[in-house]
Structure formats: structure tokens, C-alpha cells
Amino acid sequence: MAQSANVYVGVATATDGSNGQLIDTFGDGTLFRTPKLEGVFPKIGASLMWTPHLGVGADVTWRGARTDYAGLLYRPTFYNFDAIWTPISTSRFEPELHAGVGGMRLGYSYKQTQCDPFGGCQTSNQGVTSSSHFQWHLAAAARIYATDHVFIRPGIDLHYVHNLFQFERNAVPEYSLSVGYSFGRGQ
């Protein structure tokens, strides 16, 4: 039986440089430069602490808005499943160390506008393809309690994404700030 359960929502940013490639995405001779990975990423997560110091957790972080990747729109998503260790636990502060596995998905689409004289113009996003990558995940975070159950959770994650050729490096740092709630804590 779990000692406590925690849920949190927040915002993050993940960063990686451009790989510097120029791509003829549509085969018409127009070259598009690959972008940097950056932007605002919503984050949600949960953990179950089996003992006061050991537990498991999962979270997902995705780019809030699609942005340009070599002429296409794309949205990156990171997800992971972790073992969690909290080395100390006080009434107001619990640091967390995470290690686990997961994946990164890059979904690509393009914006299409169709017009006719009777219906007017309609714009839609058409999915083109996606690219999925395995990742190793490490993180350090802290639950700083404002009340017995409500906490603020700053965190630093490192996603080591296998074969992330779309960007400069395989190692993608993420910085986040979340607000959460603990169930069963101190009971």
C-alpha cells in the first residue's frame, strides 16, 4: 500500500540547438533550415511513494503550440516512467531524485487552406508523419509544501534521447515549475 500519492501540473521549457541542416521539404527547391527546440511546455505528472523514501512516478511534457520545423508544423512530446528516491523528508520539504525510461515523439503536420466561392476558406492541419525515440530520463525536483498537502515543485530534467538527429544533441535539458497536491501524506 502506498504511503502517499502526489499529482502535479505546471509549465516547463526544453532546449536543444538546431542541427544546422537545410531541407528541401516539398521537393520544389526551397530550402528550410531546421529550428532550435525551445518554447513553453505544459507538464503533468504523478507519483506513488511506497515508503517515505522510495516510489515510482510518471510525467508527460509537450510543446503547447505547434511551431515550424523545415516548412512543417511540429509538436514534441516527452514522456517517462521513473523510480523515485527522496533522501530526506520534512514537514515542508521533500527532494526527489528520478531515474527511468520513456520516449520522445515528434508529430509533424502541415497547414492546408482550401477555399471555394460558396463555403469560403477553411484551414486545417493535416498530419504528415511522426518520429518516436527511446529516452533515458534523470531528474531532480523538490516538493516545497505551502500547506500539509499543497506543494510547489521546481524541477530539472535531463532527457537523453537516442538518435535525436532532428536537433543538435541527444541530451535535452528541461526546466519546470509545477503546483501539486499530496494524498495520504502525514496520515
C-alpha atoms as a PDB file:
ATOM      1  CA  MET A   1       0.000   0.000   0.000  1.00  0.00           C
ATOM      2  CA  ALA A   2       1.326   3.431  -0.917  1.00  0.00           C
ATOM      3  CA  GLN A   3       2.393   5.835   1.835  1.00  0.00           C
ATOM      4  CA  SER A   4       1.350   8.798  -0.318  1.00  0.00           C
ATOM      5  CA  ALA A   5       0.360   9.813  -3.822  1.00  0.00           C
ATOM      6  CA  ASN A   6       1.258  13.098  -5.490  1.00  0.00           C
ATOM      7  CA  VAL A   7      -0.142  14.817  -8.576  1.00  0.00           C
ATOM      8  CA  TYR A   8       1.147  17.999 -10.177  1.00  0.00           C
ATOM      9  CA  VAL A   9       0.623  20.319 -13.160  1.00  0.00           C
ATOM     10  CA  GLY A  10       2.909  23.035 -14.370  1.00  0.00           C
ATOM     11  CA  VAL A  11       4.929  24.586 -17.135  1.00  0.00           C
ATOM     12  CA  ALA A  12       8.381  23.794 -18.438  1.00  0.00           C
ATOM     13  CA  THR A  13      10.804  24.614 -21.176  1.00  0.00           C
ATOM     14  CA  ALA A  14      13.087  22.181 -23.007  1.00  0.00           C
ATOM     15  CA  THR A  15      16.027  23.343 -25.105  1.00  0.00           C
ATOM     16  CA  ASP A  16      18.243  21.944 -27.837  1.00  0.00           C
ATOM     17  CA  GLY A  17      20.080  23.586 -30.709  1.00  0.00           C
ATOM     18  CA  SER A  18      19.435  23.291 -34.428  1.00  0.00           C
ATOM     19  CA  ASN A  19      21.359  20.588 -36.255  1.00  0.00           C
ATOM     20  CA  GLY A  20      22.027  23.226 -38.943  1.00  0.00           C
ATOM     21  CA  GLN A  21      20.560  21.233 -41.831  1.00  0.00           C
ATOM     22  CA  LEU A  22      18.812  22.757 -44.829  1.00  0.00           C
ATOM     23  CA  ILE A  23      15.950  20.559 -46.063  1.00  0.00           C
ATOM     24  CA  ASP A  24      14.013  20.661 -49.338  1.00  0.00           C
ATOM     25  CA  THR A  25      10.820  19.539 -47.575  1.00  0.00           C
ATOM     26  CA  PHE A  26       8.424  19.809 -50.526  1.00  0.00           C
ATOM     27  CA  GLY A  27      10.850  18.914 -53.355  1.00  0.00           C
ATOM     28  CA  ASP A  28      10.442  22.320 -55.040  1.00  0.00           C
ATOM     29  CA  GLY A  29      13.983  23.629 -54.489  1.00  0.00           C
ATOM     30  CA  THR A  30      13.027  25.781 -51.472  1.00  0.00           C
ATOM     31  CA  LEU A  31      15.391  25.041 -48.587  1.00  0.00           C
ATOM     32  CA  PHE A  32      14.186  25.293 -44.991  1.00  0.00           C
ATOM     33  CA  ARG A  33      16.574  25.494 -42.026  1.00  0.00           C
ATOM     34  CA  THR A  34      15.915  23.184 -39.088  1.00  0.00           C
ATOM     35  CA  PRO A  35      14.984  25.082 -35.889  1.00  0.00           C
ATOM     36  CA  LYS A  36      16.128  25.024 -32.293  1.00  0.00           C
ATOM     37  CA  LEU A  37      13.967  23.155 -29.791  1.00  0.00           C
ATOM     38  CA  GLU A  38      12.506  25.706 -27.383  1.00  0.00           C
ATOM     39  CA  GLY A  39       9.240  27.102 -26.125  1.00  0.00           C
ATOM     40  CA  VAL A  40       6.639  26.639 -23.406  1.00  0.00           C
ATOM     41  CA  PHE A  41       5.718  23.058 -22.477  1.00  0.00           C
ATOM     42  CA  PRO A  42       2.764  22.143 -20.226  1.00  0.00           C
ATOM     43  CA  LYS A  43       3.651  19.356 -17.773  1.00  0.00           C
ATOM     44  CA  ILE A  44       1.558  16.866 -15.793  1.00  0.00           C
ATOM     45  CA  GLY A  45       2.760  14.100 -13.532  1.00  0.00           C
ATOM     46  CA  ALA A  46       2.052  11.775 -10.636  1.00  0.00           C
ATOM     47  CA  SER A  47       3.946   9.621  -8.182  1.00  0.00           C
ATOM     48  CA  LEU A  48       3.228   6.857  -5.676  1.00  0.00           C
ATOM     49  CA  MET A  49       5.574   6.673  -2.712  1.00  0.00           C
ATOM     50  CA  TRP A  50       5.559   3.111  -1.355  1.00  0.00           C
ATOM     51  CA  THR A  51       7.764   4.052   1.572  1.00  0.00           C
ATOM     52  CA  PRO A  52       8.672   7.541   2.787  1.00  0.00           C
ATOM     53  CA  HIS A  53      11.795   7.332   0.579  1.00  0.00           C
ATOM     54  CA  LEU A  54      11.023   5.050  -2.418  1.00  0.00           C
ATOM     55  CA  GLY A  55       8.371   5.222  -5.096  1.00  0.00           C
ATOM     56  CA  VAL A  56       7.513   5.329  -8.773  1.00  0.00           C
ATOM     57  CA  GLY A  57       6.212   8.086 -10.999  1.00  0.00           C
ATOM     58  CA  ALA A  58       5.396   9.208 -14.499  1.00  0.00           C
ATOM     59  CA  ASP A  59       5.064  12.500 -16.284  1.00  0.00           C
ATOM     60  CA  VAL A  60       4.462  13.959 -19.711  1.00  0.00           C
ATOM     61  CA  THR A  61       5.631  17.276 -21.148  1.00  0.00           C
ATOM     62  CA  TRP A  62       4.574  18.573 -24.565  1.00  0.00           C
ATOM     63  CA  ARG A  63       5.078  21.764 -26.511  1.00  0.00           C
ATOM     64  CA  GLY A  64       1.952  23.871 -26.039  1.00  0.00           C
ATOM     65  CA  ALA A  65       1.843  25.198 -29.608  1.00  0.00           C
ATOM     66  CA  ARG A  66       2.940  23.725 -32.892  1.00  0.00           C
ATOM     67  CA  THR A  67       5.844  25.580 -34.452  1.00  0.00           C
ATOM     68  CA  ASP A  68       7.784  25.462 -37.692  1.00  0.00           C
ATOM     69  CA  TYR A  69      10.214  22.639 -38.488  1.00  0.00           C
ATOM     70  CA  ALA A  70      11.637  22.993 -42.009  1.00  0.00           C
ATOM     71  CA  GLY A  71       8.301  24.087 -43.509  1.00  0.00           C
ATOM     72  CA  LEU A  72       6.118  21.717 -41.477  1.00  0.00           C
ATOM     73  CA  LEU A  73       4.424  22.269 -38.133  1.00  0.00           C
ATOM     74  CA  TYR A  74       5.667  20.043 -35.317  1.00  0.00           C
ATOM     75  CA  ARG A  75       4.965  19.315 -31.671  1.00  0.00           C
ATOM     76  CA  PRO A  76       7.457  17.461 -29.439  1.00  0.00           C
ATOM     77  CA  THR A  77       6.236  15.349 -26.513  1.00  0.00           C
ATOM     78  CA  PHE A  78       8.378  13.770 -23.772  1.00  0.00           C
ATOM     79  CA  TYR A  79       7.040  11.004 -21.511  1.00  0.00           C
ATOM     80  CA  ASN A  80       8.766   8.913 -18.882  1.00  0.00           C
ATOM     81  CA  PHE A  81       8.319   6.303 -16.149  1.00  0.00           C
ATOM     82  CA  ASP A  82      10.686   6.611 -13.199  1.00  0.00           C
ATOM     83  CA  ALA A  83      11.895   5.158  -9.942  1.00  0.00           C
ATOM     84  CA  ILE A  84      11.936   7.912  -7.290  1.00  0.00           C
ATOM     85  CA  TRP A  85      14.141   8.314  -4.234  1.00  0.00           C
ATOM     86  CA  THR A  86      13.536  11.016  -1.606  1.00  0.00           C
ATOM     87  CA  PRO A  87      16.667  11.081   0.575  1.00  0.00           C
ATOM     88  CA  ILE A  88      15.070  13.217   3.316  1.00  0.00           C
ATOM     89  CA  SER A  89      11.543  14.149   4.255  1.00  0.00           C
ATOM     90  CA  THR A  90      10.477  17.038   6.464  1.00  0.00           C
ATOM     91  CA  SER A  91       7.067  18.573   7.012  1.00  0.00           C
ATOM     92  CA  ARG A  92       7.761  21.305   4.401  1.00  0.00           C
ATOM     93  CA  PHE A  93      10.477  19.945   2.059  1.00  0.00           C
ATOM     94  CA  GLU A  94      10.986  16.695   0.133  1.00  0.00           C
ATOM     95  CA  PRO A  95      13.696  16.498  -2.546  1.00  0.00           C
ATOM     96  CA  GLU A  96      13.143  13.913  -5.301  1.00  0.00           C
ATOM     97  CA  LEU A  97      15.701  12.109  -7.476  1.00  0.00           C
ATOM     98  CA  HIS A  98      14.278  10.337 -10.541  1.00  0.00           C
ATOM     99  CA  ALA A  99      15.758   7.764 -12.930  1.00  0.00           C
ATOM    100  CA  GLY A 100      13.809   5.995 -15.638  1.00  0.00           C
ATOM    101  CA  VAL A 101      12.955   5.422 -19.265  1.00  0.00           C
ATOM    102  CA  GLY A 102      10.429   6.757 -21.717  1.00  0.00           C
ATOM    103  CA  GLY A 103      10.205   8.293 -25.132  1.00  0.00           C
ATOM    104  CA  MET A 104      10.064  11.423 -27.221  1.00  0.00           C
ATOM    105  CA  ARG A 105       7.562  11.811 -30.037  1.00  0.00           C
ATOM    106  CA  LEU A 106       7.774  14.447 -32.754  1.00  0.00           C
ATOM    107  CA  GLY A 107       4.467  14.821 -34.599  1.00  0.00           C
ATOM    108  CA  TYR A 108       4.570  16.659 -37.948  1.00  0.00           C
ATOM    109  CA  SER A 109       1.709  18.264 -39.867  1.00  0.00           C
ATOM    110  CA  TYR A 110       1.138  20.985 -42.420  1.00  0.00           C
ATOM    111  CA  LYS A 111      -1.420  23.726 -42.574  1.00  0.00           C
ATOM    112  CA  GLN A 112      -3.766  23.436 -45.536  1.00  0.00           C
ATOM    113  CA  THR A 113      -6.195  26.154 -46.649  1.00  0.00           C
ATOM    114  CA  GLN A 114      -8.991  25.320 -49.071  1.00  0.00           C
ATOM    115  CA  CYS A 115     -11.305  27.953 -50.498  1.00  0.00           C
ATOM    116  CA  ASP A 116     -14.467  27.774 -52.576  1.00  0.00           C
ATOM    117  CA  PRO A 117     -16.861  30.537 -53.642  1.00  0.00           C
ATOM    118  CA  PHE A 118     -19.802  29.183 -51.619  1.00  0.00           C
ATOM    119  CA  GLY A 119     -18.263  27.922 -48.361  1.00  0.00           C
ATOM    120  CA  GLY A 120     -15.388  30.399 -48.041  1.00  0.00           C
ATOM    121  CA  CYS A 121     -11.971  29.347 -46.792  1.00  0.00           C
ATOM    122  CA  GLN A 122     -11.215  26.635 -44.251  1.00  0.00           C
ATOM    123  CA  THR A 123      -7.825  25.924 -42.709  1.00  0.00           C
ATOM    124  CA  SER A 124      -6.901  22.551 -41.266  1.00  0.00           C
ATOM    125  CA  ASN A 125      -3.798  20.781 -40.021  1.00  0.00           C
ATOM    126  CA  GLN A 126      -3.065  17.562 -41.868  1.00  0.00           C
ATOM    127  CA  GLY A 127      -0.854  15.031 -40.075  1.00  0.00           C
ATOM    128  CA  VAL A 128       2.112  14.020 -42.197  1.00  0.00           C
ATOM    129  CA  THR A 129       4.284  11.738 -40.101  1.00  0.00           C
ATOM    130  CA  SER A 130       5.809  11.287 -36.670  1.00  0.00           C
ATOM    131  CA  SER A 131       9.166  10.250 -35.293  1.00  0.00           C
ATOM    132  CA  SER A 132       9.475   8.369 -32.000  1.00  0.00           C
ATOM    133  CA  HIS A 133      12.664   7.959 -29.986  1.00  0.00           C
ATOM    134  CA  PHE A 134      13.594   5.975 -26.861  1.00  0.00           C
ATOM    135  CA  GLN A 135      14.904   8.097 -23.980  1.00  0.00           C
ATOM    136  CA  TRP A 136      16.705   7.702 -20.663  1.00  0.00           C
ATOM    137  CA  HIS A 137      15.460  10.134 -18.040  1.00  0.00           C
ATOM    138  CA  LEU A 138      17.103  11.695 -14.973  1.00  0.00           C
ATOM    139  CA  ALA A 139      15.567  14.428 -12.841  1.00  0.00           C
ATOM    140  CA  ALA A 140      15.949  16.342  -9.607  1.00  0.00           C
ATOM    141  CA  ALA A 141      12.979  18.149  -8.087  1.00  0.00           C
ATOM    142  CA  ALA A 142      11.712  19.286  -4.719  1.00  0.00           C
ATOM    143  CA  ARG A 143       8.250  19.357  -3.227  1.00  0.00           C
ATOM    144  CA  ILE A 144       8.088  22.533  -1.152  1.00  0.00           C
ATOM    145  CA  TYR A 145       4.896  22.423   0.903  1.00  0.00           C
ATOM    146  CA  ALA A 146       2.797  25.575   1.344  1.00  0.00           C
ATOM    147  CA  THR A 147       0.265  23.568   3.397  1.00  0.00           C
ATOM    148  CA  ASP A 148       0.196  19.955   4.617  1.00  0.00           C
ATOM    149  CA  HIS A 149      -0.887  18.826   1.129  1.00  0.00           C
ATOM    150  CA  VAL A 150      -0.314  21.631  -1.429  1.00  0.00           C
ATOM    151  CA  PHE A 151       3.212  21.968  -2.811  1.00  0.00           C
ATOM    152  CA  ILE A 152       5.285  23.899  -5.327  1.00  0.00           C
ATOM    153  CA  ARG A 153       7.651  21.709  -7.348  1.00  0.00           C
ATOM    154  CA  PRO A 154      10.662  23.208  -9.162  1.00  0.00           C
ATOM    155  CA  GLY A 155      12.487  20.612 -11.246  1.00  0.00           C
ATOM    156  CA  ILE A 156      15.366  19.992 -13.623  1.00  0.00           C
ATOM    157  CA  ASP A 157      15.114  17.043 -16.027  1.00  0.00           C
ATOM    158  CA  LEU A 158      17.626  15.577 -18.443  1.00  0.00           C
ATOM    159  CA  HIS A 159      16.166  13.631 -21.363  1.00  0.00           C
ATOM    160  CA  TYR A 160      18.844  11.589 -23.154  1.00  0.00           C
ATOM    161  CA  VAL A 161      17.007  10.850 -26.403  1.00  0.00           C
ATOM    162  CA  HIS A 162      18.509   8.087 -28.546  1.00  0.00           C
ATOM    163  CA  ASN A 163      19.290   9.146 -32.139  1.00  0.00           C
ATOM    164  CA  LEU A 164      17.701  12.626 -31.907  1.00  0.00           C
ATOM    165  CA  PHE A 165      19.055  13.612 -35.335  1.00  0.00           C
ATOM    166  CA  GLN A 166      16.388  16.318 -35.769  1.00  0.00           C
ATOM    167  CA  PHE A 167      18.287  18.572 -33.337  1.00  0.00           C
ATOM    168  CA  GLU A 168      21.860  19.324 -32.301  1.00  0.00           C
ATOM    169  CA  ARG A 169      22.285  16.980 -29.326  1.00  0.00           C
ATOM    170  CA  ASN A 170      20.762  13.838 -27.865  1.00  0.00           C
ATOM    171  CA  ALA A 171      20.771  15.388 -24.364  1.00  0.00           C
ATOM    172  CA  VAL A 172      17.790  17.731 -23.851  1.00  0.00           C
ATOM    173  CA  PRO A 173      17.560  19.660 -20.559  1.00  0.00           C
ATOM    174  CA  GLU A 174      14.153  20.679 -19.229  1.00  0.00           C
ATOM    175  CA  TYR A 175      13.364  23.227 -16.501  1.00  0.00           C
ATOM    176  CA  SER A 176       9.931  23.228 -14.853  1.00  0.00           C
ATOM    177  CA  LEU A 177       7.775  24.745 -12.146  1.00  0.00           C
ATOM    178  CA  SER A 178       4.632  22.916 -11.032  1.00  0.00           C
ATOM    179  CA  VAL A 179       1.943  23.066  -8.374  1.00  0.00           C
ATOM    180  CA  GLY A 180       0.703  19.848  -6.816  1.00  0.00           C
ATOM    181  CA  TYR A 181      -1.268  18.036  -4.172  1.00  0.00           C
ATOM    182  CA  SER A 182      -0.239  15.117  -1.908  1.00  0.00           C
ATOM    183  CA  PHE A 183      -2.770  12.480  -0.824  1.00  0.00           C
ATOM    184  CA  GLY A 184      -2.165  10.397   2.297  1.00  0.00           C
ATOM    185  CA  ARG A 185       0.803  12.430   3.458  1.00  0.00           C
ATOM    186  CA  GLY A 186       1.179  12.603   7.240  1.00  0.00           C
ATOM    187  CA  GLN A 187      -1.841  10.383   7.885  1.00  0.00           C
END
